[in-house]
Amino acid sequence: MTDPQYQHERTEPRRVKKGIIVAEGGPDCTGDSPASRLWLSVLERSGTEAKTEGLRWGALGQAMGIAGLPGRIRVRVQGIRRQPHEVDLLVPVLSETVREMVVERLSEDPRNLVRIEEGGIPSNLVGLIRELGGRLVPTGADLSAEMDEKPIGFEHRVVCAAAAAAQLLEQDLKPLLVAVGLPMDDLAVLLRDARAVRLRGALTAHRDPRPTTAGPDPERNFWRGRSSSQPEAMGPFPPLALLMRLGKPPLKGKFPMVGLLESIYRTVAEDVDRDRTERDEAMASPPQEN
């Protein structure tokens, strides 16, 4: 029997079940997306040997998952030892000012809240953060990494973790948003509060409604209809904004409630428009002489 002290040390990483497989050429992310920026930033900081070995580990599926934590993106990397490493890419949290401005701007459109409640991300969120001076991904010397909660250089395990993170973030940006301080659950709560303040308690999905405490009741006038000569009092609004307040269909899509309401909504709107047009034409036509 061979004495343990003379056994050869393991030189190849252990096999991983259901690891994140990264192509040999790098993660599948292109353009100016946050995932692509993160990957390019890591490549700039790592050496040739670290890139080669890190991508080899990525192709072996050594990365096992990604999680967003405040100030960091964490990826578990198996490697040679039994216990996987926890590799963190450190990400600065957005300032309170930027987050407040993001919430204020997103609350202007009810579709943003609907999209979050349906499990998505507002399409303009990344551009809005950049516009307001925030950064989702640090670059250059601002980018740093830790392994098992200790500072580490950009060696092959960090490259492997970054490749896997970039590949997953290209498909779903939520872990990065958690890291910078904008988790979707919290953002949904903030948007509801912001819209409640913006609408002053009015039960409407429309943007910046007119006050209903003075003058004619615009909600009642809307259903009564109005002639084309009257001023526009409640628009323009996003299409089907009232329906969007309902959120995603109930009963897990087994009954298309929202689709049914949309059909009714459109039919009623078409009838109102037709009646209004006929009435306006009748009023504009001169009376016939007997």
Protein backbone atom coordinates (compact mmCIF):
# COMPACT_ATOMS: atom_id res chain seq x y z
CA MET A 1 0.00 0.00 0.00
CA THR A 2 1.40 3.38 -0.99
CA ASP A 3 1.99 5.78 1.86
CA PRO A 4 -0.29 8.86 1.59
CA GLN A 5 2.60 11.28 1.66
CA TYR A 6 3.98 9.77 -1.54
CA GLN A 7 0.71 9.91 -3.49
CA HIS A 8 0.76 12.18 -6.53
CA GLU A 9 -1.06 15.48 -6.14
CA ARG A 10 -4.04 16.12 -8.41
CA THR A 11 -3.19 18.36 -11.34
CA GLU A 12 -6.50 18.39 -13.24
CA PRO A 13 -9.74 19.91 -11.94
CA ARG A 14 -12.45 17.60 -10.70
CA ARG A 15 -15.44 16.68 -12.80
CA VAL A 16 -18.52 18.81 -12.29
CA LYS A 17 -22.12 17.80 -12.90
CA LYS A 18 -24.29 20.40 -14.63
CA GLY A 19 -21.52 22.99 -14.79
CA ILE A 20 -21.74 26.11 -16.95
CA ILE A 21 -20.09 25.20 -20.26
CA VAL A 22 -18.28 28.10 -21.94
CA ALA A 23 -17.05 27.91 -25.51
CA GLU A 24 -13.28 27.72 -26.02
CA GLY A 25 -13.34 31.13 -27.68
CA GLY A 26 -15.04 32.76 -24.70
CA PRO A 27 -18.59 33.52 -23.56
CA ASP A 28 -21.33 34.21 -26.07
CA CYS A 29 -21.76 37.94 -25.52
CA THR A 30 -21.21 40.68 -28.03
CA GLY A 31 -21.79 44.38 -28.47
CA ASP A 32 -21.91 46.93 -25.68
CA SER A 33 -23.95 44.94 -23.17
CA PRO A 34 -22.95 44.89 -19.46
CA ALA A 35 -21.99 41.21 -19.83
CA SER A 36 -19.67 42.00 -22.72
CA ARG A 37 -18.12 44.93 -20.82
CA LEU A 38 -17.48 42.71 -17.81
CA TRP A 39 -15.77 40.04 -19.89
CA LEU A 40 -13.60 42.53 -21.78
CA SER A 41 -12.58 44.21 -18.51
CA VAL A 42 -11.43 40.86 -17.08
CA LEU A 43 -9.48 40.07 -20.25
CA GLU A 44 -7.67 43.41 -19.98
CA ARG A 45 -6.54 42.60 -16.44
CA SER A 46 -5.48 38.95 -16.97
CA GLY A 47 -2.33 37.53 -18.55
CA THR A 48 -2.07 35.18 -21.52
CA GLU A 49 -1.54 32.06 -19.41
CA ALA A 50 -4.47 32.93 -17.13
CA LYS A 51 -6.74 33.49 -20.14
CA THR A 52 -5.80 30.17 -21.75
CA GLU A 53 -6.17 28.11 -18.58
CA GLY A 54 -9.29 29.97 -17.47
CA LEU A 55 -11.05 29.34 -20.79
CA ARG A 56 -9.99 25.69 -20.63
CA TRP A 57 -11.62 25.41 -17.21
CA GLY A 58 -14.67 27.18 -18.61
CA ALA A 59 -14.92 24.65 -21.43
CA LEU A 60 -14.76 21.88 -18.80
CA GLY A 61 -17.74 23.43 -17.00
CA GLN A 62 -15.88 24.19 -13.77
CA ALA A 63 -18.20 27.10 -12.87
CA MET A 64 -21.33 25.87 -11.09
CA GLY A 65 -23.58 28.86 -10.55
CA ILE A 66 -23.89 32.62 -10.28
CA ALA A 67 -25.42 34.74 -7.54
CA GLY A 68 -25.81 38.46 -7.08
CA LEU A 69 -24.85 39.80 -3.65
CA PRO A 70 -24.58 43.43 -2.56
CA GLY A 71 -21.39 44.72 -4.15
CA ARG A 72 -20.34 41.46 -5.79
CA ILE A 73 -21.13 38.77 -8.36
CA ARG A 74 -20.30 35.37 -6.90
CA VAL A 75 -19.47 32.29 -8.98
CA ARG A 76 -18.61 28.88 -7.53
CA VAL A 77 -15.61 27.31 -9.26
CA GLN A 78 -14.71 23.68 -8.53
CA GLY A 79 -11.03 23.34 -9.38
CA ILE A 80 -8.71 20.72 -7.90
CA ARG A 81 -9.78 20.57 -4.26
CA ARG A 82 -12.93 18.91 -2.97
CA GLN A 83 -14.59 22.10 -1.78
CA PRO A 84 -15.43 24.58 -4.58
CA HIS A 85 -13.97 28.08 -4.47
CA GLU A 86 -16.19 31.15 -4.18
CA VAL A 87 -14.91 33.66 -6.70
CA ASP A 88 -16.29 37.20 -6.37
CA LEU A 89 -16.14 39.95 -8.98
CA LEU A 90 -16.50 43.17 -7.00
CA VAL A 91 -19.07 45.63 -8.36
CA PRO A 92 -19.69 49.11 -6.87
CA VAL A 93 -23.23 49.75 -5.66
CA LEU A 94 -25.09 52.58 -7.38
CA SER A 95 -25.37 55.77 -5.38
CA GLU A 96 -28.62 56.55 -3.60
CA THR A 97 -29.11 59.56 -5.86
CA VAL A 98 -28.88 57.48 -9.03
CA ARG A 99 -31.25 54.84 -7.66
CA GLU A 100 -33.83 57.46 -6.67
CA MET A 101 -33.66 59.04 -10.14
CA VAL A 102 -34.01 55.61 -11.78
CA VAL A 103 -37.15 54.90 -9.75
CA GLU A 104 -38.59 58.33 -10.54
CA ARG A 105 -38.03 57.96 -14.28
CA LEU A 106 -39.31 54.38 -14.44
CA SER A 107 -42.45 55.28 -12.50
CA GLU A 108 -43.56 57.60 -15.32
CA ASP A 109 -44.59 54.61 -17.44
CA PRO A 110 -46.88 51.91 -15.92
CA ARG A 111 -45.54 49.36 -18.40
CA ASN A 112 -42.25 49.19 -16.50
CA LEU A 113 -43.96 47.93 -13.34
CA VAL A 114 -46.01 45.44 -15.36
CA ARG A 115 -42.85 44.07 -16.98
CA ILE A 116 -41.15 43.57 -13.59
CA GLU A 117 -44.22 41.86 -12.15
CA GLU A 118 -44.15 39.47 -15.11
CA GLY A 119 -40.57 38.51 -14.29
CA GLY A 120 -38.80 40.74 -16.80
CA ILE A 121 -36.62 43.84 -16.72
CA PRO A 122 -37.62 47.25 -18.13
CA SER A 123 -36.09 47.51 -21.59
CA ASN A 124 -34.75 51.01 -20.97
CA LEU A 125 -33.20 50.29 -17.54
CA VAL A 126 -29.58 49.81 -18.65
CA GLY A 127 -29.62 52.90 -20.86
CA LEU A 128 -31.30 54.91 -18.12
CA ILE A 129 -28.62 54.00 -15.57
CA ARG A 130 -25.91 55.08 -18.00
CA GLU A 131 -27.77 58.28 -18.80
CA LEU A 132 -27.94 59.15 -15.10
CA GLY A 133 -24.20 58.60 -14.62
CA GLY A 134 -24.31 55.16 -13.01
CA ARG A 135 -22.07 52.21 -13.90
CA LEU A 136 -23.14 48.59 -13.91
CA VAL A 137 -19.65 47.23 -14.56
CA PRO A 138 -16.35 48.71 -13.34
CA THR A 139 -13.50 48.96 -15.82
CA GLY A 140 -9.71 49.14 -15.68
CA ALA A 141 -8.14 49.48 -12.26
CA ASP A 142 -11.61 49.80 -10.64
CA LEU A 143 -12.26 46.10 -11.28
CA SER A 144 -11.08 43.68 -8.58
CA ALA A 145 -11.71 40.12 -7.45
CA GLU A 146 -11.73 37.95 -4.36
CA MET A 147 -11.55 34.20 -3.87
CA ASP A 148 -12.92 32.69 -0.68
CA GLU A 149 -13.28 36.25 0.64
CA LYS A 150 -9.60 37.08 0.12
CA PRO A 151 -8.19 39.47 -2.52
CA ILE A 152 -6.80 37.71 -5.58
CA GLY A 153 -5.31 38.69 -8.91
CA PHE A 154 -6.86 37.88 -12.26
CA GLU A 155 -5.65 34.31 -12.48
CA HIS A 156 -7.29 31.38 -14.28
CA ARG A 157 -10.03 30.72 -11.70
CA VAL A 158 -11.14 34.34 -11.90
CA VAL A 159 -11.13 34.18 -15.71
CA CYS A 160 -13.23 31.00 -15.59
CA ALA A 161 -15.70 32.63 -13.19
CA ALA A 162 -15.92 35.81 -15.30
CA ALA A 163 -16.53 33.83 -18.51
CA ALA A 164 -19.39 31.90 -16.91
CA ALA A 165 -20.83 35.05 -15.34
CA ALA A 166 -20.74 36.97 -18.63
CA GLN A 167 -22.43 34.12 -20.47
CA LEU A 168 -25.30 33.94 -17.96
CA LEU A 169 -25.64 37.73 -17.56
CA GLU A 170 -26.08 38.07 -21.31
CA GLN A 171 -29.29 36.05 -20.89
CA ASP A 172 -30.46 37.42 -17.52
CA LEU A 173 -29.13 40.62 -15.96
CA LYS A 174 -30.87 40.21 -12.60
CA PRO A 175 -27.81 38.99 -10.59
CA LEU A 176 -25.85 42.06 -11.69
CA LEU A 177 -28.75 44.35 -10.77
CA VAL A 178 -28.83 42.78 -7.32
CA ALA A 179 -25.10 43.42 -7.00
CA VAL A 180 -25.43 47.13 -7.84
CA GLY A 181 -28.38 47.62 -5.48
CA LEU A 182 -31.41 47.31 -7.81
CA PRO A 183 -33.02 43.91 -7.15
CA MET A 184 -36.23 43.55 -9.12
CA ASP A 185 -38.44 42.74 -6.09
CA ASP A 186 -37.32 45.89 -4.28
CA LEU A 187 -37.60 47.94 -7.46
CA ALA A 188 -41.21 46.80 -7.93
CA VAL A 189 -42.08 47.98 -4.41
CA LEU A 190 -40.38 51.33 -4.99
CA LEU A 191 -42.20 51.80 -8.30
CA ARG A 192 -45.58 51.09 -6.70
CA ASP A 193 -44.86 53.64 -3.98
CA ALA A 194 -43.63 56.20 -6.50
CA ARG A 195 -46.70 55.78 -8.69
CA ALA A 196 -48.99 56.07 -5.67
CA VAL A 197 -47.37 59.41 -4.84
CA ARG A 198 -47.40 60.52 -8.48
CA LEU A 199 -51.08 59.65 -8.93
CA ARG A 200 -52.09 61.10 -5.53
CA GLY A 201 -54.22 58.05 -4.85
CA ALA A 202 -56.10 58.22 -8.17
CA LEU A 203 -57.16 54.81 -9.44
CA THR A 204 -55.74 55.09 -12.93
CA ALA A 205 -53.00 53.52 -14.97
CA HIS A 206 -52.45 56.66 -17.00
CA ARG A 207 -49.44 58.90 -16.77
CA ASP A 208 -49.85 62.24 -14.95
CA PRO A 209 -53.67 62.29 -14.75
CA ARG A 210 -55.50 65.54 -14.41
CA PRO A 211 -56.87 66.28 -10.88
CA THR A 212 -60.48 65.19 -10.43
CA THR A 213 -61.29 67.39 -7.45
CA ALA A 214 -62.28 70.42 -9.51
CA GLY A 215 -64.33 70.86 -12.65
CA PRO A 216 -66.11 68.10 -14.59
CA ASP A 217 -65.42 64.49 -13.69
CA PRO A 218 -63.05 63.37 -16.51
CA GLU A 219 -63.54 59.68 -15.73
CA ARG A 220 -67.31 59.98 -16.19
CA ASN A 221 -66.86 62.16 -19.27
CA PHE A 222 -64.54 59.57 -20.77
CA TRP A 223 -67.28 56.93 -20.74
CA ARG A 224 -69.92 59.41 -21.92
CA GLY A 225 -67.79 60.40 -24.90
CA ARG A 226 -67.18 63.92 -26.14
CA SER A 227 -67.35 65.85 -29.36
CA SER A 228 -64.22 66.62 -31.31
CA SER A 229 -64.63 70.32 -30.52
CA GLN A 230 -63.99 69.72 -26.80
CA PRO A 231 -60.40 69.96 -25.58
CA GLU A 232 -58.45 66.76 -24.94
CA ALA A 233 -58.66 66.28 -21.18
CA MET A 234 -57.16 62.85 -20.56
CA GLY A 235 -54.48 61.97 -23.07
CA PRO A 236 -52.48 60.86 -24.82
CA PHE A 237 -52.09 57.61 -22.87
CA PRO A 238 -50.20 54.34 -23.48
CA PRO A 239 -52.30 51.82 -25.43
CA LEU A 240 -54.45 49.66 -23.14
CA ALA A 241 -52.94 51.25 -20.04
CA LEU A 242 -55.97 50.36 -17.92
CA LEU A 243 -55.62 46.71 -18.83
CA MET A 244 -51.93 46.75 -17.96
CA ARG A 245 -52.87 47.51 -14.36
CA LEU A 246 -54.25 43.97 -14.17
CA GLY A 247 -50.77 42.49 -14.62
CA LYS A 248 -50.23 38.99 -15.97
CA PRO A 249 -53.25 36.71 -16.62
CA PRO A 250 -54.59 34.82 -13.57
CA LEU A 251 -54.88 31.03 -13.21
CA LYS A 252 -51.42 30.53 -14.77
CA GLY A 253 -52.70 31.33 -18.25
CA LYS A 254 -55.38 28.62 -18.26
CA PHE A 255 -58.06 31.23 -18.92
CA PRO A 256 -57.12 34.21 -21.14
CA MET A 257 -58.83 36.83 -18.97
CA VAL A 258 -56.68 39.72 -20.13
CA GLY A 259 -57.12 38.74 -23.77
CA LEU A 260 -60.89 38.70 -23.31
CA LEU A 261 -60.87 42.11 -21.61
CA GLU A 262 -58.63 43.49 -24.34
CA SER A 263 -61.10 42.36 -27.00
CA ILE A 264 -63.96 44.01 -25.11
CA TYR A 265 -61.89 47.13 -24.59
CA ARG A 266 -61.09 47.42 -28.28
CA THR A 267 -64.67 46.71 -29.36
CA VAL A 268 -66.08 49.37 -27.03
CA ALA A 269 -63.42 51.86 -28.13
CA GLU A 270 -64.24 51.23 -31.81
CA ASP A 271 -67.96 51.67 -31.17
CA VAL A 272 -67.37 54.92 -29.29
CA ASP A 273 -65.15 56.24 -32.09
CA ARG A 274 -67.71 55.28 -34.74
CA ASP A 275 -70.59 56.90 -32.83
CA ARG A 276 -68.52 60.02 -32.24
CA THR A 277 -67.59 60.25 -35.93
CA GLU A 278 -71.20 59.83 -37.03
CA ARG A 279 -72.36 62.45 -34.55
CA ASP A 280 -69.66 64.92 -35.60
CA GLU A 281 -70.49 64.39 -39.28
CA ALA A 282 -74.17 64.93 -38.59
CA MET A 283 -73.44 68.14 -36.69
CA ALA A 284 -71.14 69.40 -39.45
CA SER A 285 -73.60 68.68 -42.27
CA PRO A 286 -75.96 71.58 -43.13
CA PRO A 287 -79.70 70.85 -42.57
CA GLN A 288 -81.50 69.72 -45.68
CA GLU A 289 -84.14 72.08 -47.06
CA ASN A 290 -87.62 70.70 -47.62
